[in-house]
N, C-alpha and C. Protein backbone atom coordinates (compact mmCIF):
# COMPACT_ATOMS: atom_id res chain seq x y z
N MET A 1 1.49 -52.89 -1.86
CA MET A 1 1.49 -51.56 -1.56
C MET A 1 2.50 -50.76 -1.08
N ALA A 2 2.92 -49.71 -1.48
CA ALA A 2 3.90 -48.84 -0.86
C ALA A 2 3.49 -47.68 -0.27
N ILE A 3 4.37 -47.51 0.84
CA ILE A 3 3.82 -46.19 1.57
C ILE A 3 5.12 -44.94 1.30
N ASP A 4 4.55 -44.07 1.28
CA ASP A 4 5.42 -42.82 0.95
C ASP A 4 5.89 -42.17 2.24
N ILE A 5 7.21 -42.74 2.51
CA ILE A 5 7.99 -42.16 3.89
C ILE A 5 8.35 -40.79 3.76
N ARG A 6 8.33 -39.63 2.79
CA ARG A 6 9.23 -38.77 2.27
C ARG A 6 8.43 -37.65 3.12
N ILE A 7 9.30 -36.82 3.82
CA ILE A 7 8.69 -35.96 4.73
C ILE A 7 8.76 -34.54 3.90
N THR A 8 7.59 -33.97 3.45
CA THR A 8 7.23 -32.97 2.61
C THR A 8 7.71 -31.54 3.68
N PRO A 9 8.01 -30.55 3.19
CA PRO A 9 8.15 -29.39 4.06
C PRO A 9 6.98 -29.12 4.77
N GLU A 10 5.96 -29.13 4.15
CA GLU A 10 4.33 -28.80 4.88
C GLU A 10 3.95 -29.83 6.03
N LEU A 11 4.69 -31.24 5.93
CA LEU A 11 4.32 -31.99 6.97
C LEU A 11 5.37 -31.82 8.08
N GLU A 12 6.81 -31.43 7.56
CA GLU A 12 7.50 -31.08 8.84
C GLU A 12 7.19 -29.70 9.45
N ARG A 13 6.48 -28.88 8.76
CA ARG A 13 5.96 -27.44 9.64
C ARG A 13 4.90 -27.85 10.53
N GLU A 14 3.90 -28.68 10.32
CA GLU A 14 2.88 -29.07 10.97
C GLU A 14 3.26 -29.92 11.93
N GLY A 15 4.27 -30.91 11.87
CA GLY A 15 4.86 -31.45 12.97
C GLY A 15 5.44 -30.94 13.81
N LEU A 16 6.20 -29.74 13.39
CA LEU A 16 6.75 -28.81 14.55
C LEU A 16 5.67 -27.97 15.39
N SER A 17 4.81 -27.76 14.52
CA SER A 17 3.42 -27.02 15.26
C SER A 17 2.96 -27.72 16.06
N ARG A 18 2.92 -29.11 15.97
CA ARG A 18 2.44 -29.88 17.28
C ARG A 18 3.50 -30.37 18.05
N ASP A 19 4.77 -30.23 17.84
CA ASP A 19 5.65 -30.03 18.84
C ASP A 19 5.53 -29.10 19.63
N ILE A 20 5.24 -27.75 19.23
CA ILE A 20 5.13 -26.54 19.95
C ILE A 20 3.76 -26.72 20.98
N VAL A 21 2.87 -27.35 20.48
CA VAL A 21 1.42 -27.23 21.17
C VAL A 21 2.21 -28.20 22.72
N ARG A 22 2.70 -29.19 22.00
CA ARG A 22 3.19 -30.22 23.26
C ARG A 22 3.94 -29.56 24.18
N HIS A 23 4.91 -28.95 23.97
CA HIS A 23 5.64 -28.17 24.83
C HIS A 23 4.83 -26.97 25.62
N ILE A 24 4.09 -26.20 24.77
CA ILE A 24 3.13 -25.42 25.47
C ILE A 24 2.27 -25.84 26.70
N GLN A 25 1.68 -27.22 26.26
CA GLN A 25 0.99 -27.84 27.28
C GLN A 25 1.97 -28.48 28.46
N GLN A 26 3.18 -28.80 28.37
CA GLN A 26 4.08 -29.16 29.08
C GLN A 26 4.29 -28.08 30.11
N ILE A 27 4.45 -26.70 29.39
CA ILE A 27 4.71 -25.62 30.36
C ILE A 27 3.51 -25.34 31.44
N ARG A 28 2.11 -25.32 30.90
CA ARG A 28 1.37 -25.04 31.37
C ARG A 28 1.04 -26.15 32.45
N LYS A 29 1.50 -27.37 32.33
CA LYS A 29 1.42 -28.13 33.65
C LYS A 29 2.73 -27.99 34.79
N GLU A 30 3.66 -27.67 34.24
CA GLU A 30 4.72 -26.93 34.93
C GLU A 30 4.36 -25.69 36.07
N LEU A 31 3.48 -25.07 35.28
CA LEU A 31 3.04 -23.81 35.79
C LEU A 31 1.67 -24.04 36.88
N ASP A 32 1.42 -25.17 37.08
CA ASP A 32 0.24 -25.90 37.51
C ASP A 32 -1.19 -24.67 37.27
N LEU A 33 -1.45 -24.78 35.88
CA LEU A 33 -2.61 -23.81 35.53
C LEU A 33 -3.48 -25.12 35.66
N ASP A 34 -4.72 -24.18 35.58
CA ASP A 34 -6.10 -25.25 35.53
C ASP A 34 -6.14 -25.41 34.02
N LEU A 35 -6.99 -26.28 33.89
CA LEU A 35 -7.38 -27.01 32.49
C LEU A 35 -7.93 -26.07 31.56
N MET A 36 -8.71 -25.14 32.16
CA MET A 36 -9.68 -24.02 31.57
C MET A 36 -8.86 -22.70 31.67
N ASP A 37 -7.93 -22.54 32.22
CA ASP A 37 -6.95 -21.11 32.34
C ASP A 37 -6.54 -20.56 30.92
N HIS A 38 -6.86 -19.67 30.60
CA HIS A 38 -6.43 -18.93 29.24
C HIS A 38 -4.82 -18.33 29.39
N ILE A 39 -4.14 -18.34 28.36
CA ILE A 39 -2.69 -17.72 28.62
C ILE A 39 -2.71 -17.08 27.26
N ASN A 40 -1.22 -16.45 27.53
CA ASN A 40 -0.36 -15.53 26.44
C ASN A 40 0.43 -16.56 26.42
N VAL A 41 1.17 -16.54 24.89
CA VAL A 41 2.52 -17.20 24.78
C VAL A 41 3.41 -16.14 23.64
N ALA A 42 4.71 -15.78 24.35
CA ALA A 42 5.66 -15.34 23.63
C ALA A 42 6.64 -16.47 23.05
N TYR A 43 7.28 -16.01 21.92
CA TYR A 43 8.00 -17.04 21.31
C TYR A 43 9.10 -16.05 20.50
N GLU A 44 10.46 -16.63 20.83
CA GLU A 44 11.37 -16.33 20.15
C GLU A 44 12.33 -17.47 19.26
N THR A 45 12.54 -17.25 18.13
CA THR A 45 13.17 -17.92 17.34
C THR A 45 14.03 -17.32 16.29
N ALA A 46 15.11 -17.95 15.88
CA ALA A 46 15.59 -17.49 14.58
C ALA A 46 15.65 -18.15 13.43
N ASP A 47 14.71 -19.33 13.43
CA ASP A 47 14.79 -20.26 12.73
C ASP A 47 13.62 -19.93 11.78
N GLU A 48 13.94 -19.91 10.54
CA GLU A 48 12.96 -19.44 9.43
C GLU A 48 12.01 -20.41 9.61
N VAL A 49 11.96 -21.80 9.30
CA VAL A 49 11.14 -22.82 9.22
C VAL A 49 9.99 -22.90 10.45
N LEU A 50 10.70 -22.58 11.94
CA LEU A 50 9.91 -22.66 12.83
C LEU A 50 8.76 -21.24 12.75
N LEU A 51 9.15 -20.24 12.21
CA LEU A 51 8.43 -19.03 12.08
C LEU A 51 7.42 -19.46 11.25
N GLN A 52 7.68 -20.17 10.10
CA GLN A 52 6.79 -20.07 9.00
C GLN A 52 5.71 -21.18 9.79
N ALA A 53 6.05 -22.18 10.41
CA ALA A 53 5.24 -23.29 10.86
C ALA A 53 4.10 -22.47 11.95
N ILE A 54 4.75 -21.80 12.69
CA ILE A 54 3.70 -20.90 13.46
C ILE A 54 2.76 -20.16 12.80
N GLU A 55 3.19 -19.23 11.68
CA GLU A 55 2.48 -18.49 11.12
C GLU A 55 1.14 -19.45 10.52
N GLU A 56 1.55 -20.55 9.69
CA GLU A 56 0.54 -21.20 9.12
C GLU A 56 -0.14 -22.31 9.81
N ASN A 57 0.30 -22.40 11.40
CA ASN A 57 -0.60 -23.16 12.28
C ASN A 57 -1.15 -22.49 13.20
N ARG A 58 -1.04 -21.13 13.25
CA ARG A 58 -1.24 -20.34 14.54
C ARG A 58 -2.83 -20.60 15.25
N GLN A 59 -3.50 -20.67 14.43
CA GLN A 59 -4.95 -20.94 14.77
C GLN A 59 -5.09 -22.48 15.59
N HIS A 60 -4.67 -23.20 15.03
CA HIS A 60 -4.30 -24.34 15.88
C HIS A 60 -3.64 -24.51 17.09
N ILE A 61 -2.61 -23.98 16.86
CA ILE A 61 -1.83 -23.87 18.53
C ILE A 61 -2.36 -23.01 19.29
N ARG A 62 -3.22 -21.82 18.91
CA ARG A 62 -3.97 -21.14 19.96
C ARG A 62 -5.10 -21.79 20.51
N GLY A 63 -5.88 -22.77 19.59
CA GLY A 63 -6.92 -23.33 19.78
C GLY A 63 -6.73 -24.48 20.94
N GLU A 64 -5.40 -25.16 20.42
CA GLU A 64 -5.25 -26.64 21.47
C GLU A 64 -4.63 -26.09 22.81
N THR A 65 -4.45 -24.86 22.98
CA THR A 65 -3.39 -24.30 24.01
C THR A 65 -4.11 -23.31 25.02
N LEU A 66 -5.49 -22.88 24.36
CA LEU A 66 -6.45 -22.06 24.96
C LEU A 66 -5.41 -20.73 25.09
N CYS A 67 -4.73 -20.48 24.06
CA CYS A 67 -3.77 -19.24 24.03
C CYS A 67 -4.73 -17.95 23.28
N ASN A 68 -4.96 -16.80 24.13
CA ASN A 68 -5.33 -15.80 23.54
C ASN A 68 -4.57 -15.17 22.50
N GLU A 69 -3.05 -14.56 22.92
CA GLU A 69 -2.25 -14.12 22.22
C GLU A 69 -1.00 -15.05 21.89
N LEU A 70 -0.64 -15.29 20.62
CA LEU A 70 0.75 -15.73 20.35
C LEU A 70 1.56 -15.03 19.49
N PHE A 71 2.50 -14.37 20.09
CA PHE A 71 3.22 -13.47 19.66
C PHE A 71 4.67 -13.34 19.51
N PRO A 72 5.50 -12.78 18.74
CA PRO A 72 6.79 -12.99 18.98
C PRO A 72 7.66 -11.91 19.90
N GLY A 73 8.33 -12.33 20.87
CA GLY A 73 8.72 -11.67 21.96
C GLY A 73 9.91 -12.30 22.77
N HIS A 74 10.71 -11.52 23.49
CA HIS A 74 11.81 -11.89 24.28
C HIS A 74 11.36 -11.78 26.01
N SER A 75 11.84 -12.82 26.43
CA SER A 75 11.62 -12.86 27.85
C SER A 75 12.62 -13.70 28.48
N GLU A 76 13.42 -12.92 29.26
CA GLU A 76 14.62 -13.81 30.28
C GLU A 76 13.96 -15.13 31.28
N SER A 77 12.83 -15.17 31.11
CA SER A 77 12.41 -16.16 31.99
C SER A 77 11.69 -17.31 31.02
N ALA A 78 12.01 -17.17 29.80
CA ALA A 78 11.35 -18.06 28.51
C ALA A 78 12.07 -19.57 28.60
N LYS A 79 11.28 -20.65 28.41
CA LYS A 79 12.04 -21.86 28.63
C LYS A 79 12.65 -22.30 27.12
N GLU A 80 13.99 -22.78 27.00
CA GLU A 80 14.43 -23.17 25.51
C GLU A 80 14.33 -24.26 25.74
N ILE A 81 13.82 -24.39 24.23
CA ILE A 81 13.44 -26.00 23.88
C ILE A 81 13.93 -26.24 22.38
N THR A 82 14.41 -27.25 22.41
CA THR A 82 15.09 -28.07 20.78
C THR A 82 13.85 -28.76 20.29
N LEU A 83 13.57 -28.60 19.22
CA LEU A 83 12.41 -29.59 18.56
C LEU A 83 13.21 -30.33 17.70
N SER A 84 12.66 -31.70 17.52
CA SER A 84 13.45 -32.66 16.65
C SER A 84 13.48 -32.20 15.23
N GLY A 85 14.65 -32.68 14.55
CA GLY A 85 14.46 -32.18 13.22
C GLY A 85 13.71 -33.44 12.29
N PRO A 86 13.75 -33.07 10.99
CA PRO A 86 13.17 -34.10 10.12
C PRO A 86 13.39 -35.63 10.35
N SER A 87 14.98 -35.84 10.59
CA SER A 87 15.50 -36.90 10.23
C SER A 87 14.97 -37.93 11.45
N THR A 88 14.30 -37.27 12.51
CA THR A 88 13.79 -38.11 13.57
C THR A 88 12.34 -38.60 13.49
N THR A 89 11.72 -37.82 12.63
CA THR A 89 10.39 -38.05 12.71
C THR A 89 9.87 -39.19 11.86
N ALA A 90 10.61 -39.87 11.11
CA ALA A 90 10.20 -40.91 10.24
C ALA A 90 10.72 -42.42 10.63
N GLN A 91 11.05 -42.35 11.85
CA GLN A 91 11.66 -43.52 12.46
C GLN A 91 10.92 -44.85 12.02
N ALA A 92 11.77 -45.67 11.66
CA ALA A 92 11.11 -47.09 11.52
C ALA A 92 10.32 -47.52 10.45
N PHE A 93 10.28 -46.63 9.70
CA PHE A 93 9.32 -46.92 8.48
C PHE A 93 9.85 -47.26 7.27
N GLY A 94 10.89 -48.30 7.09
CA GLY A 94 11.23 -48.88 5.99
C GLY A 94 13.06 -48.47 6.01
N SER A 95 13.62 -49.23 5.29
CA SER A 95 15.22 -49.25 5.28
C SER A 95 15.80 -47.66 5.16
N GLU A 96 15.13 -46.75 4.41
CA GLU A 96 15.73 -45.45 3.82
C GLU A 96 15.33 -44.59 5.20
N ALA A 97 14.32 -44.78 6.18
CA ALA A 97 14.37 -43.78 7.26
C ALA A 97 15.07 -44.63 8.34
N GLN A 98 15.21 -45.81 8.55
CA GLN A 98 16.08 -46.33 9.44
C GLN A 98 17.66 -45.96 9.25
N ALA A 99 17.92 -45.84 8.03
CA ALA A 99 19.31 -45.44 7.71
C ALA A 99 19.70 -44.09 8.08
N ARG A 100 18.40 -42.94 7.67
CA ARG A 100 18.37 -41.72 8.14
C ARG A 100 18.40 -41.37 9.78
N ARG A 101 17.52 -42.32 10.44
CA ARG A 101 17.53 -41.86 11.85
C ARG A 101 18.63 -41.49 12.63
N GLY A 102 18.59 -40.40 13.24
CA GLY A 102 19.77 -39.98 14.02
C GLY A 102 20.48 -39.02 13.52
N ARG A 103 20.55 -38.96 12.45
CA ARG A 103 21.72 -38.28 11.48
C ARG A 103 21.01 -36.81 11.18
N PRO A 104 21.37 -35.83 11.66
CA PRO A 104 20.82 -34.29 11.12
C PRO A 104 21.20 -34.25 9.91
N GLU A 105 20.22 -33.04 9.37
CA GLU A 105 20.69 -32.84 7.69
C GLU A 105 21.89 -32.15 7.84
N PRO A 106 22.84 -32.17 6.63
CA PRO A 106 23.84 -31.46 6.50
C PRO A 106 23.53 -29.92 6.83
N GLY A 107 24.59 -29.50 7.76
CA GLY A 107 24.66 -28.15 8.19
C GLY A 107 23.66 -27.71 9.17
N ARG A 108 22.92 -28.84 9.80
CA ARG A 108 22.10 -28.73 11.11
C ARG A 108 22.53 -29.53 11.98
N THR A 109 22.31 -29.28 13.52
CA THR A 109 22.50 -29.91 14.51
C THR A 109 21.71 -31.05 15.04
N GLY A 110 20.36 -31.10 14.12
CA GLY A 110 19.68 -32.33 14.66
C GLY A 110 18.36 -31.62 15.13
N GLY A 111 18.31 -30.13 15.36
CA GLY A 111 16.86 -29.81 16.13
C GLY A 111 17.10 -28.43 15.91
N ARG A 112 15.44 -27.90 16.17
CA ARG A 112 15.23 -26.36 15.99
C ARG A 112 15.10 -25.48 17.35
N ASP A 113 15.84 -24.63 17.43
CA ASP A 113 15.63 -24.02 18.86
C ASP A 113 14.63 -23.02 18.86
N ILE A 114 13.77 -22.96 19.88
CA ILE A 114 12.78 -21.74 20.14
C ILE A 114 12.68 -21.59 21.67
N ARG A 115 12.30 -20.49 22.15
CA ARG A 115 12.27 -20.00 23.55
C ARG A 115 10.77 -19.68 23.57
N LEU A 116 10.27 -20.17 24.62
CA LEU A 116 8.84 -20.03 24.83
C LEU A 116 8.45 -19.70 26.31
N MET A 117 7.53 -18.58 26.22
CA MET A 117 7.21 -17.98 27.68
C MET A 117 5.86 -17.85 27.67
N VAL A 118 5.18 -18.68 28.74
CA VAL A 118 3.89 -18.77 28.82
C VAL A 118 3.45 -18.07 30.16
N GLN A 119 2.10 -17.32 29.94
CA GLN A 119 1.61 -16.37 31.12
C GLN A 119 0.28 -16.77 31.10
N LYS A 120 -0.16 -16.93 32.44
CA LYS A 120 -1.67 -17.17 32.40
C LYS A 120 -2.24 -15.65 32.37
N VAL A 121 -3.61 -15.63 31.77
CA VAL A 121 -4.37 -14.21 31.69
C VAL A 121 -5.30 -14.21 32.67
N GLY A 122 -5.24 -13.02 33.09
CA GLY A 122 -6.22 -12.64 34.34
C GLY A 122 -5.53 -12.77 35.64
């Protein structure tokens, strides 16, 4: 039985959206928000893949983080985050993935940058 370890663009975008959820949850924790507090999230990125990931997974991101509004916007107080690239998401699933681990795609620095600003509603 063979396992296909290739990461399709769709899987990469889904993984990126999950990373965004994880980082929003971490920011919520840093802000000492209550579990049921609703938030608004502004994001800023020039990365087209991240923008597409957010659009395709908007409902998932909002639902998992109790986010009323998820919108593009700039804030000096936003937290800058670098999400891991696809070369690090298939670790240890065979020799091809092991050979790629830690090496960014050509022309990439190995991560995707986004700025997130989380604000409690009310």
